[in-house]
Amino acid sequence: MSAAWRSDFKLDSRNNFYQHFPMSKAAKAEAPKFEEALKKLEGVVEAMESGDLPLETLLAKYEEGARLVKICQEKLVEAELKIQQLEKDAAGEMKLKPLDLPED
């Protein structure tokens, strides 16, 4: 197994594997907020579950849903990393250390 292949897969906080494809800075800037992406994803799922869509529309909805899942996963990974960066300062108060994300 090559190291490059392994780097595409990460473990979440529950030790479940997921495939990690970092978003570019431009994509992150254009990406909707987590709540907005999740709401759109729920709408996509409802539309697909209705059973009333033709195959081409289902495929388009699937692609849109996959894109929204990726956005949600990236936002959750960022949030988890921020939480992990919390530390106590000299006075014993919790503070957030700057998050250093790898550049794309």
Protein backbone atom coordinates (compact mmCIF):
# COMPACT_ATOMS: atom_id res chain seq x y z
CA MET A 1 0.00 0.00 0.00
CA SER A 2 1.53 3.31 -1.03
CA ALA A 3 1.82 6.19 1.41
CA ALA A 4 -0.07 8.44 -1.03
CA TRP A 5 -3.08 6.12 -0.96
CA ARG A 6 -3.09 5.98 2.83
CA SER A 7 -2.94 9.77 3.11
CA ASP A 8 -6.32 10.04 1.37
CA PHE A 9 -7.98 8.13 4.20
CA LYS A 10 -8.37 9.56 7.69
CA LEU A 11 -9.90 8.41 10.96
CA ASP A 12 -12.67 10.44 12.52
CA SER A 13 -13.18 10.84 16.28
CA ARG A 14 -14.96 7.46 16.39
CA ASN A 15 -12.10 5.72 14.55
CA ASN A 16 -14.16 5.30 11.38
CA PHE A 17 -12.31 5.66 8.08
CA TYR A 18 -13.41 8.27 5.60
CA GLN A 19 -11.80 9.44 2.41
CA HIS A 20 -10.27 12.89 2.76
CA PHE A 21 -10.02 15.16 -0.25
CA PRO A 22 -9.01 18.61 0.97
CA MET A 23 -10.88 21.48 -0.63
CA SER A 24 -8.91 24.23 -2.34
CA LYS A 25 -8.99 27.73 -0.85
CA ALA A 26 -11.19 28.91 -3.73
CA ALA A 27 -13.66 26.07 -3.17
CA LYS A 28 -13.72 26.77 0.58
CA ALA A 29 -14.47 30.45 -0.09
CA GLU A 30 -17.40 29.51 -2.34
CA ALA A 31 -18.68 26.68 -0.15
CA PRO A 32 -21.87 27.26 1.81
CA LYS A 33 -21.88 27.22 5.59
CA PHE A 34 -22.29 23.80 7.22
CA GLU A 35 -25.93 24.33 8.17
CA GLU A 36 -26.81 25.55 4.68
CA ALA A 37 -25.03 22.61 3.02
CA LEU A 38 -26.73 20.15 5.38
CA LYS A 39 -30.16 21.64 4.67
CA LYS A 40 -29.53 21.39 0.91
CA LEU A 41 -28.33 17.81 1.35
CA GLU A 42 -31.51 16.91 3.23
CA GLY A 43 -33.52 18.39 0.34
CA VAL A 44 -31.54 16.32 -2.17
CA VAL A 45 -32.16 13.14 -0.16
CA GLU A 46 -35.89 13.86 0.10
CA ALA A 47 -36.11 14.48 -3.65
CA MET A 48 -34.25 11.27 -4.41
CA GLU A 49 -36.39 9.24 -2.02
CA SER A 50 -39.60 10.51 -3.59
CA GLY A 51 -39.23 8.02 -6.44
CA ASP A 52 -40.69 10.50 -8.93
CA LEU A 53 -37.47 11.60 -10.62
CA PRO A 54 -36.15 10.35 -13.97
CA LEU A 55 -32.76 8.64 -14.01
CA GLU A 56 -30.84 11.66 -15.38
CA THR A 57 -32.24 13.87 -12.63
CA LEU A 58 -31.41 11.24 -10.01
CA LEU A 59 -27.81 11.14 -11.24
CA ALA A 60 -27.56 14.93 -11.08
CA LYS A 61 -29.02 14.90 -7.56
CA TYR A 62 -26.56 12.18 -6.56
CA GLU A 63 -23.63 14.28 -7.81
CA GLU A 64 -24.96 17.34 -5.97
CA GLY A 65 -25.41 15.27 -2.81
CA ALA A 66 -21.86 13.90 -3.05
CA ARG A 67 -20.53 17.46 -3.36
CA LEU A 68 -22.56 18.58 -0.34
CA VAL A 69 -21.38 15.58 1.71
CA LYS A 70 -17.79 16.53 0.93
CA ILE A 71 -18.42 20.11 2.07
CA CYS A 72 -20.05 18.93 5.30
CA GLN A 73 -17.22 16.47 6.01
CA GLU A 74 -14.57 19.15 5.47
CA LYS A 75 -16.38 21.59 7.76
CA LEU A 76 -16.72 18.91 10.46
CA VAL A 77 -13.03 18.00 10.19
CA GLU A 78 -12.10 21.68 10.55
CA ALA A 79 -14.36 22.02 13.60
CA GLU A 80 -12.90 18.88 15.18
CA LEU A 81 -9.37 20.19 14.62
CA LYS A 82 -10.29 23.51 16.24
CA ILE A 83 -11.69 21.70 19.26
CA GLN A 84 -8.52 19.66 19.52
CA GLN A 85 -6.51 22.89 19.48
CA LEU A 86 -8.13 24.19 22.67
CA GLU A 87 -5.64 24.50 25.47
CA LYS A 88 -5.32 26.14 28.84
CA ASP A 89 -3.30 29.32 29.11
CA ALA A 90 -1.13 30.29 32.10
CA ALA A 91 -4.19 31.55 34.02
CA GLY A 92 -5.95 28.21 33.52
CA GLU A 93 -8.47 29.59 31.04
CA MET A 94 -9.28 27.73 27.83
CA LYS A 95 -8.13 29.43 24.65
CA LEU A 96 -8.05 28.46 21.00
CA LYS A 97 -4.63 28.04 19.42
CA PRO A 98 -4.37 29.14 15.78
CA LEU A 99 -5.20 26.27 13.47
CA ASP A 100 -2.50 25.48 10.93
CA LEU A 101 -4.15 23.78 7.96
CA PRO A 102 -1.95 22.47 5.16
CA GLU A 103 -1.85 24.66 2.08
CA ASP A 104 -3.27 23.24 -1.15
